[in-house]
Amino acid sequence: DPALLRAYEIEKETYEFAYAATYLPSWLWAPTEGM
């Protein structure tokens, strides 16, 4: 289901924001550009 897959991808990218901001700020570019 493309819509469901996209929702999972958006959720995963949101998680990447939280992870990077907490543990690895130098990684924040990845979820920013990815989202």
PDB file of all heavy atoms in Angstrom:
ATOM      1  N   ASP A   1       0.860  -1.178   0.000  1.00  0.00           N
ATOM      2  CA  ASP A   1       0.000   0.000   0.000  1.00  0.00           C
ATOM      3  C   ASP A   1       0.898   1.231   0.000  1.00  0.00           C
ATOM      4  O   ASP A   1       1.569   1.523   1.008  1.00  0.00           O
ATOM      5  CB  ASP A   1      -0.883  -0.020   1.246  1.00  0.00           C
ATOM      6  CG  ASP A   1      -1.840   1.170   1.310  1.00  0.00           C
ATOM      7  OD1 ASP A   1      -1.625   2.147   0.572  1.00  0.00           O
ATOM      8  OD2 ASP A   1      -2.788   1.120   2.118  1.00  0.00           O
ATOM      9  N   PRO A   2       0.959   1.994  -1.101  1.00  0.00           N
ATOM     10  CA  PRO A   2       1.871   3.145  -1.167  1.00  0.00           C
ATOM     11  C   PRO A   2       1.601   4.179  -0.075  1.00  0.00           C
ATOM     12  O   PRO A   2       2.541   4.769   0.463  1.00  0.00           O
ATOM     13  CB  PRO A   2       1.613   3.721  -2.563  1.00  0.00           C
ATOM     14  CG  PRO A   2       1.017   2.602  -3.348  1.00  0.00           C
ATOM     15  CD  PRO A   2       0.223   1.804  -2.362  1.00  0.00           C
ATOM     16  N   ALA A   3       0.338   4.411   0.255  1.00  0.00           N
ATOM     17  CA  ALA A   3       0.012   5.406   1.268  1.00  0.00           C
ATOM     18  C   ALA A   3       0.505   4.972   2.642  1.00  0.00           C
ATOM     19  O   ALA A   3       1.038   5.779   3.421  1.00  0.00           O
ATOM     20  CB  ALA A   3      -1.493   5.654   1.294  1.00  0.00           C
ATOM     21  N   LEU A   4       0.330   3.682   2.953  1.00  0.00           N
ATOM     22  CA  LEU A   4       0.788   3.181   4.240  1.00  0.00           C
ATOM     23  C   LEU A   4       2.313   3.203   4.316  1.00  0.00           C
ATOM     24  O   LEU A   4       2.894   3.588   5.340  1.00  0.00           O
ATOM     25  CB  LEU A   4       0.270   1.761   4.466  1.00  0.00           C
ATOM     26  CG  LEU A   4       0.694   1.077   5.765  1.00  0.00           C
ATOM     27  CD1 LEU A   4       0.260   1.909   6.975  1.00  0.00           C
ATOM     28  CD2 LEU A   4       0.123  -0.334   5.844  1.00  0.00           C
ATOM     29  N   LEU A   5       2.963   2.807   3.232  1.00  0.00           N
ATOM     30  CA  LEU A   5       4.426   2.829   3.198  1.00  0.00           C
ATOM     31  C   LEU A   5       4.923   4.257   3.404  1.00  0.00           C
ATOM     32  O   LEU A   5       5.896   4.491   4.148  1.00  0.00           O
ATOM     33  CB  LEU A   5       4.931   2.273   1.870  1.00  0.00           C
ATOM     34  CG  LEU A   5       6.441   2.268   1.666  1.00  0.00           C
ATOM     35  CD1 LEU A   5       7.149   1.449   2.742  1.00  0.00           C
ATOM     36  CD2 LEU A   5       6.798   1.736   0.275  1.00  0.00           C
ATOM     37  N   ARG A   6       4.271   5.222   2.768  1.00  0.00           N
ATOM     38  CA  ARG A   6       4.687   6.626   2.919  1.00  0.00           C
ATOM     39  C   ARG A   6       4.500   7.076   4.365  1.00  0.00           C
ATOM     40  O   ARG A   6       5.347   7.793   4.913  1.00  0.00           O
ATOM     41  CB  ARG A   6       3.880   7.517   1.975  1.00  0.00           C
ATOM     42  CG  ARG A   6       4.260   8.987   2.061  1.00  0.00           C
ATOM     43  CD  ARG A   6       3.551   9.798   0.969  1.00  0.00           C
ATOM     44  NE  ARG A   6       3.905  11.207   1.070  1.00  0.00           N
ATOM     45  CZ  ARG A   6       3.292  12.075   1.852  1.00  0.00           C
ATOM     46  NH1 ARG A   6       2.275  11.668   2.603  1.00  0.00           N
ATOM     47  NH2 ARG A   6       3.677  13.341   1.890  1.00  0.00           N
ATOM     48  N   ALA A   7       3.419   6.662   5.008  1.00  0.00           N
ATOM     49  CA  ALA A   7       3.203   7.032   6.409  1.00  0.00           C
ATOM     50  C   ALA A   7       4.313   6.465   7.294  1.00  0.00           C
ATOM     51  O   ALA A   7       4.816   7.149   8.199  1.00  0.00           O
ATOM     52  CB  ALA A   7       1.843   6.532   6.883  1.00  0.00           C
ATOM     53  N   TYR A   8       4.705   5.222   7.028  1.00  0.00           N
ATOM     54  CA  TYR A   8       5.800   4.623   7.786  1.00  0.00           C
ATOM     55  C   TYR A   8       7.108   5.382   7.554  1.00  0.00           C
ATOM     56  O   TYR A   8       7.916   5.563   8.479  1.00  0.00           O
ATOM     57  CB  TYR A   8       5.988   3.163   7.389  1.00  0.00           C
ATOM     58  CG  TYR A   8       4.931   2.211   7.902  1.00  0.00           C
ATOM     59  CD1 TYR A   8       4.607   1.049   7.188  1.00  0.00           C
ATOM     60  CD2 TYR A   8       4.265   2.440   9.101  1.00  0.00           C
ATOM     61  CE1 TYR A   8       3.659   0.153   7.653  1.00  0.00           C
ATOM     62  CE2 TYR A   8       3.299   1.550   9.568  1.00  0.00           C
ATOM     63  CZ  TYR A   8       3.011   0.404   8.839  1.00  0.00           C
ATOM     64  OH  TYR A   8       2.061  -0.484   9.308  1.00  0.00           O
ATOM     65  N   GLU A   9       7.343   5.807   6.305  1.00  0.00           N
ATOM     66  CA  GLU A   9       8.569   6.548   6.014  1.00  0.00           C
ATOM     67  C   GLU A   9       8.575   7.895   6.728  1.00  0.00           C
ATOM     68  O   GLU A   9       9.605   8.316   7.265  1.00  0.00           O
ATOM     69  CB  GLU A   9       8.715   6.752   4.505  1.00  0.00           C
ATOM     70  CG  GLU A   9       9.084   5.494   3.738  1.00  0.00           C
ATOM     71  CD  GLU A   9       9.425   5.788   2.286  1.00  0.00           C
ATOM     72  OE1 GLU A   9      10.481   6.407   2.049  1.00  0.00           O
ATOM     73  OE2 GLU A   9       8.621   5.427   1.405  1.00  0.00           O
ATOM     74  N   ILE A  10       7.451   8.568   6.743  1.00  0.00           N
ATOM     75  CA  ILE A  10       7.366   9.862   7.423  1.00  0.00           C
ATOM     76  C   ILE A  10       7.569   9.670   8.925  1.00  0.00           C
ATOM     77  O   ILE A  10       8.276  10.450   9.576  1.00  0.00           O
ATOM     78  CB  ILE A  10       6.015  10.529   7.120  1.00  0.00           C
ATOM     79  CG1 ILE A  10       5.994  10.986   5.655  1.00  0.00           C
ATOM     80  CG2 ILE A  10       5.759  11.708   8.055  1.00  0.00           C
ATOM     81  CD1 ILE A  10       4.658  11.504   5.189  1.00  0.00           C
ATOM     82  N   GLU A  11       6.971   8.617   9.479  1.00  0.00           N
ATOM     83  CA  GLU A  11       7.165   8.341  10.901  1.00  0.00           C
ATOM     84  C   GLU A  11       8.642   8.057  11.195  1.00  0.00           C
ATOM     85  O   GLU A  11       9.197   8.528  12.191  1.00  0.00           O
ATOM     86  CB  GLU A  11       6.312   7.147  11.334  1.00  0.00           C
ATOM     87  CG  GLU A  11       6.473   6.821  12.812  1.00  0.00           C
ATOM     88  CD  GLU A  11       5.742   5.558  13.215  1.00  0.00           C
ATOM     89  OE1 GLU A  11       5.246   4.835  12.327  1.00  0.00           O
ATOM     90  OE2 GLU A  11       5.671   5.284  14.428  1.00  0.00           O
ATOM     91  N   LYS A  12       9.293   7.267  10.326  1.00  0.00           N
ATOM     92  CA  LYS A  12      10.702   6.940  10.534  1.00  0.00           C
ATOM     93  C   LYS A  12      11.563   8.195  10.447  1.00  0.00           C
ATOM     94  O   LYS A  12      12.493   8.375  11.251  1.00  0.00           O
ATOM     95  CB  LYS A  12      11.155   5.924   9.486  1.00  0.00           C
ATOM     96  CG  LYS A  12      12.618   5.510   9.612  1.00  0.00           C
ATOM     97  CD  LYS A  12      12.895   4.830  10.940  1.00  0.00           C
ATOM     98  CE  LYS A  12      14.335   4.355  11.023  1.00  0.00           C
ATOM     99  NZ  LYS A  12      14.648   3.748  12.340  1.00  0.00           N
ATOM    100  N   GLU A  13      11.273   9.076   9.512  1.00  0.00           N
ATOM    101  CA  GLU A  13      12.059  10.302   9.391  1.00  0.00           C
ATOM    102  C   GLU A  13      11.830  11.197  10.599  1.00  0.00           C
ATOM    103  O   GLU A  13      12.751  11.879  11.067  1.00  0.00           O
ATOM    104  CB  GLU A  13      11.690  11.024   8.091  1.00  0.00           C
ATOM    105  CG  GLU A  13      12.807  11.846   7.491  1.00  0.00           C
ATOM    106  CD  GLU A  13      13.957  11.013   6.939  1.00  0.00           C
ATOM    107  OE1 GLU A  13      14.841  10.605   7.727  1.00  0.00           O
ATOM    108  OE2 GLU A  13      13.986  10.781   5.718  1.00  0.00           O
ATOM    109  N   THR A  14      10.612  11.187  11.132  1.00  0.00           N
ATOM    110  CA  THR A  14      10.327  11.946  12.349  1.00  0.00           C
ATOM    111  C   THR A  14      11.154  11.414  13.507  1.00  0.00           C
ATOM    112  O   THR A  14      11.720  12.180  14.307  1.00  0.00           O
ATOM    113  CB  THR A  14       8.829  11.863  12.692  1.00  0.00           C
ATOM    114  OG1 THR A  14       8.053  12.313  11.575  1.00  0.00           O
ATOM    115  CG2 THR A  14       8.499  12.713  13.905  1.00  0.00           C
ATOM    116  N   TYR A  15      11.239  10.097  13.597  1.00  0.00           N
ATOM    117  CA  TYR A  15      12.082   9.470  14.626  1.00  0.00           C
ATOM    118  C   TYR A  15      13.537   9.903  14.465  1.00  0.00           C
ATOM    119  O   TYR A  15      14.239  10.156  15.457  1.00  0.00           O
ATOM    120  CB  TYR A  15      11.967   7.944  14.527  1.00  0.00           C
ATOM    121  CG  TYR A  15      12.951   7.203  15.400  1.00  0.00           C
ATOM    122  CD1 TYR A  15      12.633   6.877  16.718  1.00  0.00           C
ATOM    123  CD2 TYR A  15      14.208   6.839  14.915  1.00  0.00           C
ATOM    124  CE1 TYR A  15      13.542   6.216  17.519  1.00  0.00           C
ATOM    125  CE2 TYR A  15      15.115   6.173  15.715  1.00  0.00           C
ATOM    126  CZ  TYR A  15      14.784   5.869  17.017  1.00  0.00           C
ATOM    127  OH  TYR A  15      15.686   5.218  17.819  1.00  0.00           O
ATOM    128  N   GLU A  16      14.005   9.995  13.221  1.00  0.00           N
ATOM    129  CA  GLU A  16      15.392  10.395  12.970  1.00  0.00           C
ATOM    130  C   GLU A  16      15.663  11.800  13.489  1.00  0.00           C
ATOM    131  O   GLU A  16      16.760  12.093  13.963  1.00  0.00           O
ATOM    132  CB  GLU A  16      15.711  10.306  11.477  1.00  0.00           C
ATOM    133  CG  GLU A  16      15.771   8.890  10.932  1.00  0.00           C
ATOM    134  CD  GLU A  16      16.960   8.112  11.465  1.00  0.00           C
ATOM    135  OE1 GLU A  16      18.041   8.695  11.645  1.00  0.00           O
ATOM    136  OE2 GLU A  16      16.797   6.901  11.713  1.00  0.00           O
ATOM    137  N   PHE A  17      14.664  12.697  13.393  1.00  0.00           N
ATOM    138  CA  PHE A  17      14.817  14.025  13.981  1.00  0.00           C
ATOM    139  C   PHE A  17      15.059  13.915  15.486  1.00  0.00           C
ATOM    140  O   PHE A  17      15.983  14.535  16.025  1.00  0.00           O
ATOM    141  CB  PHE A  17      13.561  14.873  13.730  1.00  0.00           C
ATOM    142  CG  PHE A  17      13.572  15.647  12.450  1.00  0.00           C
ATOM    143  CD1 PHE A  17      12.838  15.212  11.361  1.00  0.00           C
ATOM    144  CD2 PHE A  17      14.295  16.820  12.339  1.00  0.00           C
ATOM    145  CE1 PHE A  17      12.817  15.932  10.174  1.00  0.00           C
ATOM    146  CE2 PHE A  17      14.286  17.548  11.157  1.00  0.00           C
ATOM    147  CZ  PHE A  17      13.552  17.103  10.067  1.00  0.00           C
ATOM    148  N   ALA A  18      14.206  13.145  16.173  1.00  0.00           N
ATOM    149  CA  ALA A  18      14.324  13.012  17.622  1.00  0.00           C
ATOM    150  C   ALA A  18      15.654  12.379  18.007  1.00  0.00           C
ATOM    151  O   ALA A  18      16.326  12.825  18.954  1.00  0.00           O
ATOM    152  CB  ALA A  18      13.156  12.188  18.168  1.00  0.00           C
ATOM    153  N   TYR A  19      16.056  11.341  17.261  1.00  0.00           N
ATOM    154  CA  TYR A  19      17.312  10.658  17.575  1.00  0.00           C
ATOM    155  C   TYR A  19      18.507  11.590  17.368  1.00  0.00           C
ATOM    156  O   TYR A  19      19.391  11.706  18.231  1.00  0.00           O
ATOM    157  CB  TYR A  19      17.460   9.411  16.693  1.00  0.00           C
ATOM    158  CG  TYR A  19      18.788   8.714  16.883  1.00  0.00           C
ATOM    159  CD1 TYR A  19      18.970   7.823  17.939  1.00  0.00           C
ATOM    160  CD2 TYR A  19      19.851   8.962  16.030  1.00  0.00           C
ATOM    161  CE1 TYR A  19      20.190   7.188  18.130  1.00  0.00           C
ATOM    162  CE2 TYR A  19      21.081   8.343  16.208  1.00  0.00           C
ATOM    163  CZ  TYR A  19      21.237   7.453  17.263  1.00  0.00           C
ATOM    164  OH  TYR A  19      22.456   6.851  17.456  1.00  0.00           O
ATOM    165  N   ALA A  20      18.548  12.250  16.212  1.00  0.00           N
ATOM    166  CA  ALA A  20      19.683  13.119  15.904  1.00  0.00           C
ATOM    167  C   ALA A  20      19.772  14.283  16.875  1.00  0.00           C
ATOM    168  O   ALA A  20      20.864  14.630  17.360  1.00  0.00           O
ATOM    169  CB  ALA A  20      19.580  13.621  14.467  1.00  0.00           C
ATOM    170  N   ALA A  21      18.648  14.912  17.191  1.00  0.00           N
ATOM    171  CA  ALA A  21      18.665  16.053  18.095  1.00  0.00           C
ATOM    172  C   ALA A  21      19.122  15.649  19.493  1.00  0.00           C
ATOM    173  O   ALA A  21      19.747  16.441  20.205  1.00  0.00           O
ATOM    174  CB  ALA A  21      17.282  16.691  18.162  1.00  0.00           C
ATOM    175  N   THR A  22      18.840  14.408  19.885  1.00  0.00           N
ATOM    176  CA  THR A  22      19.189  13.943  21.222  1.00  0.00           C
ATOM    177  C   THR A  22      20.608  13.405  21.300  1.00  0.00           C
ATOM    178  O   THR A  22      21.350  13.696  22.255  1.00  0.00           O
ATOM    179  CB  THR A  22      18.201  12.845  21.672  1.00  0.00           C
ATOM    180  OG1 THR A  22      16.869  13.343  21.591  1.00  0.00           O
ATOM    181  CG2 THR A  22      18.479  12.405  23.098  1.00  0.00           C
ATOM    182  N   TYR A  23      21.012  12.610  20.303  1.00  0.00           N
ATOM    183  CA  TYR A  23      22.281  11.894  20.392  1.00  0.00           C
ATOM    184  C   TYR A  23      23.336  12.341  19.384  1.00  0.00           C
ATOM    185  O   TYR A  23      24.534  12.229  19.645  1.00  0.00           O
ATOM    186  CB  TYR A  23      22.049  10.384  20.181  1.00  0.00           C
ATOM    187  CG  TYR A  23      21.217   9.725  21.243  1.00  0.00           C
ATOM    188  CD1 TYR A  23      19.969   9.188  20.950  1.00  0.00           C
ATOM    189  CD2 TYR A  23      21.669   9.633  22.551  1.00  0.00           C
ATOM    190  CE1 TYR A  23      19.199   8.574  21.926  1.00  0.00           C
ATOM    191  CE2 TYR A  23      20.914   9.023  23.539  1.00  0.00           C
ATOM    192  CZ  TYR A  23      19.678   8.491  23.215  1.00  0.00           C
ATOM    193  OH  TYR A  23      18.925   7.891  24.174  1.00  0.00           O
ATOM    194  N   LEU A  24      22.928  12.811  18.212  1.00  0.00           N
ATOM    195  CA  LEU A  24      23.882  13.039  17.132  1.00  0.00           C
ATOM    196  C   LEU A  24      23.464  14.260  16.303  1.00  0.00           C
ATOM    197  O   LEU A  24      23.007  14.122  15.170  1.00  0.00           O
ATOM    198  CB  LEU A  24      23.965  11.787  16.250  1.00  0.00           C
ATOM    199  CG  LEU A  24      25.129  11.665  15.272  1.00  0.00           C
ATOM    200  CD1 LEU A  24      26.454  11.611  16.010  1.00  0.00           C
ATOM    201  CD2 LEU A  24      24.945  10.414  14.409  1.00  0.00           C
ATOM    202  N   PRO A  25      23.631  15.465  16.849  1.00  0.00           N
ATOM    203  CA  PRO A  25      23.172  16.667  16.127  1.00  0.00           C
ATOM    204  C   PRO A  25      23.775  16.819  14.737  1.00  0.00           C
ATOM    205  O   PRO A  25      23.134  17.409  13.851  1.00  0.00           O
ATOM    206  CB  PRO A  25      23.618  17.803  17.058  1.00  0.00           C
ATOM    207  CG  PRO A  25      23.662  17.190  18.418  1.00  0.00           C
ATOM    208  CD  PRO A  25      24.131  15.782  18.193  1.00  0.00           C
ATOM    209  N   SER A  26      24.985  16.299  14.519  1.00  0.00           N
ATOM    210  CA  SER A  26      25.603  16.415  13.195  1.00  0.00           C
ATOM    211  C   SER A  26      24.838  15.631  12.130  1.00  0.00           C
ATOM    212  O   SER A  26      25.075  15.817  10.930  1.00  0.00           O
ATOM    213  CB  SER A  26      27.053  15.920  13.247  1.00  0.00           C
ATOM    214  OG  SER A  26      27.109  14.549  13.621  1.00  0.00           O
ATOM    215  N   TRP A  27      23.923  14.768  12.549  1.00  0.00           N
ATOM    216  CA  TRP A  27      23.130  13.954  11.631  1.00  0.00           C
ATOM    217  C   TRP A  27      21.828  14.635  11.247  1.00  0.00           C
ATOM    218  O   TRP A  27      21.094  14.148  10.382  1.00  0.00           O
ATOM    219  CB  TRP A  27      22.852  12.591  12.278  1.00  0.00           C
ATOM    220  CG  TRP A  27      22.016  11.634  11.488  1.00  0.00           C
ATOM    221  CD1 TRP A  27      20.736  11.237  11.766  1.00  0.00           C
ATOM    222  CD2 TRP A  27      22.371  10.936  10.291  1.00  0.00           C
ATOM    223  NE1 TRP A  27      20.281  10.336  10.835  1.00  0.00           N
ATOM    224  CE2 TRP A  27      21.271  10.130   9.901  1.00  0.00           C
ATOM    225  CE3 TRP A  27      23.517  10.909   9.494  1.00  0.00           C
ATOM    226  CZ2 TRP A  27      21.286   9.320   8.777  1.00  0.00           C
ATOM    227  CZ3 TRP A  27      23.526  10.100   8.366  1.00  0.00           C
ATOM    228  CH2 TRP A  27      22.428   9.323   8.016  1.00  0.00           C
ATOM    229  N   LEU A  28      21.513  15.776  11.834  1.00  0.00           N
ATOM    230  CA  LEU A  28      20.211  16.413  11.600  1.00  0.00           C
ATOM    231  C   LEU A  28      19.965  16.766  10.134  1.00  0.00           C
ATOM    232  O   LEU A  28      18.814  16.857   9.705  1.00  0.00           O
ATOM    233  CB  LEU A  28      20.075  17.677  12.457  1.00  0.00           C
ATOM    234  CG  LEU A  28      19.503  17.485  13.864  1.00  0.00           C
ATOM    235  CD1 LEU A  28      19.647  18.751  14.676  1.00  0.00           C
ATOM    236  CD2 LEU A  28      18.044  17.041  13.796  1.00  0.00           C
ATOM    237  N   TRP A  29      21.034  16.944   9.362  1.00  0.00           N
ATOM    238  CA  TRP A  29      20.829  17.264   7.952  1.00  0.00           C
ATOM    239  C   TRP A  29      20.058  16.160   7.240  1.00  0.00           C
ATOM    240  O   TRP A  29      19.290  16.437   6.308  1.00  0.00           O
ATOM    241  CB  TRP A  29      22.185  17.476   7.250  1.00  0.00           C
ATOM    242  CG  TRP A  29      23.008  16.223   7.153  1.00  0.00           C
ATOM    243  CD1 TRP A  29      23.992  15.814   7.999  1.00  0.00           C
ATOM    244  CD2 TRP A  29      22.891  15.205   6.150  1.00  0.00           C
ATOM    245  NE1 TRP A  29      24.499  14.603   7.598  1.00  0.00           N
ATOM    246  CE2 TRP A  29      23.844  14.203   6.468  1.00  0.00           C
ATOM    247  CE3 TRP A  29      22.086  15.029   5.024  1.00  0.00           C
ATOM    248  CZ2 TRP A  29      24.007  13.058   5.692  1.00  0.00           C
ATOM    249  CZ3 TRP A  29      22.243  13.886   4.258  1.00  0.00           C
ATOM    250  CH2 TRP A  29      23.199  12.918   4.598  1.00  0.00           C
ATOM    251  N   ALA A  30      20.274  14.880   7.663  1.00  0.00           N
ATOM    252  CA  ALA A  30      19.671  13.750   6.943  1.00  0.00           C
ATOM    253  C   ALA A  30      18.151  13.746   7.045  1.00  0.00           C
ATOM    254  O   ALA A  30      17.456  13.712   6.013  1.00  0.00           O
ATOM    255  CB  ALA A  30      20.267  12.437   7.434  1.00  0.00           C
ATOM    256  N   PRO A  31      17.554  13.776   8.258  1.00  0.00           N
ATOM    257  CA  PRO A  31      16.087  13.830   8.292  1.00  0.00           C
ATOM    258  C   PRO A  31      15.532  15.132   7.742  1.00  0.00           C
ATOM    259  O   PRO A  31      14.420  15.148   7.198  1.00  0.00           O
ATOM    260  CB  PRO A  31      15.763  13.665   9.783  1.00  0.00           C
ATOM    261  CG  PRO A  31      17.007  14.048  10.512  1.00  0.00           C
ATOM    262  CD  PRO A  31      18.135  13.646   9.615  1.00  0.00           C
ATOM    263  N   THR A  32      16.291  16.216   7.863  1.00  0.00           N
ATOM    264  CA  THR A  32      15.806  17.490   7.327  1.00  0.00           C
ATOM    265  C   THR A  32      15.652  17.404   5.809  1.00  0.00           C
ATOM    266  O   THR A  32      14.592  17.714   5.254  1.00  0.00           O
ATOM    267  CB  THR A  32      16.771  18.629   7.701  1.00  0.00           C
ATOM    268  OG1 THR A  32      16.886  18.715   9.117  1.00  0.00           O
ATOM    269  CG2 THR A  32      16.251  19.957   7.152  1.00  0.00           C
ATOM    270  N   GLU A  33      16.720  16.956   5.137  1.00  0.00           N
ATOM    271  CA  GLU A  33      16.642  16.836   3.681  1.00  0.00           C
ATOM    272  C   GLU A  33      15.712  15.693   3.271  1.00  0.00           C
ATOM    273  O   GLU A  33      15.004  15.792   2.264  1.00  0.00           O
ATOM    274  CB  GLU A  33      18.038  16.615   3.115  1.00  0.00           C
ATOM    275  CG  GLU A  33      18.965  17.806   3.277  1.00  0.00           C
ATOM    276  CD  GLU A  33      20.295  17.604   2.586  1.00  0.00           C
ATOM    277  OE1 GLU A  33      20.423  16.672   1.758  1.00  0.00           O
ATOM    278  OE2 GLU A  33      21.239  18.378   2.868  1.00  0.00           O
ATOM    279  N   GLY A  34      15.720  14.617   4.056  1.00  0.00           N
ATOM    280  CA  GLY A  34      14.866  13.487   3.717  1.00  0.00           C
ATOM    281  C   GLY A  34      13.394  13.808   3.822  1.00  0.00           C
ATOM    282  O   GLY A  34      12.604  13.459   2.932  1.00  0.00           O
ATOM    283  N   MET A  35      13.003  14.484   4.915  1.00  0.00           N
ATOM    284  CA  MET A  35      11.592  14.847   5.078  1.00  0.00           C
ATOM    285  C   MET A  35      11.175  15.844   4.005  1.00  0.00           C
ATOM    286  O   MET A  35      10.075  15.743   3.434  1.00  0.00           O
ATOM    287  CB  MET A  35      11.358  15.431   6.469  1.00  0.00           C
ATOM    288  CG  MET A  35       9.892  15.650   6.810  1.00  0.00           C
ATOM    289  SD  MET A  35       9.003  14.083   7.127  1.00  0.00           S
ATOM    290  CE  MET A  35       9.433  13.821   8.858  1.00  0.00           C
TER     291      MET A  35
END
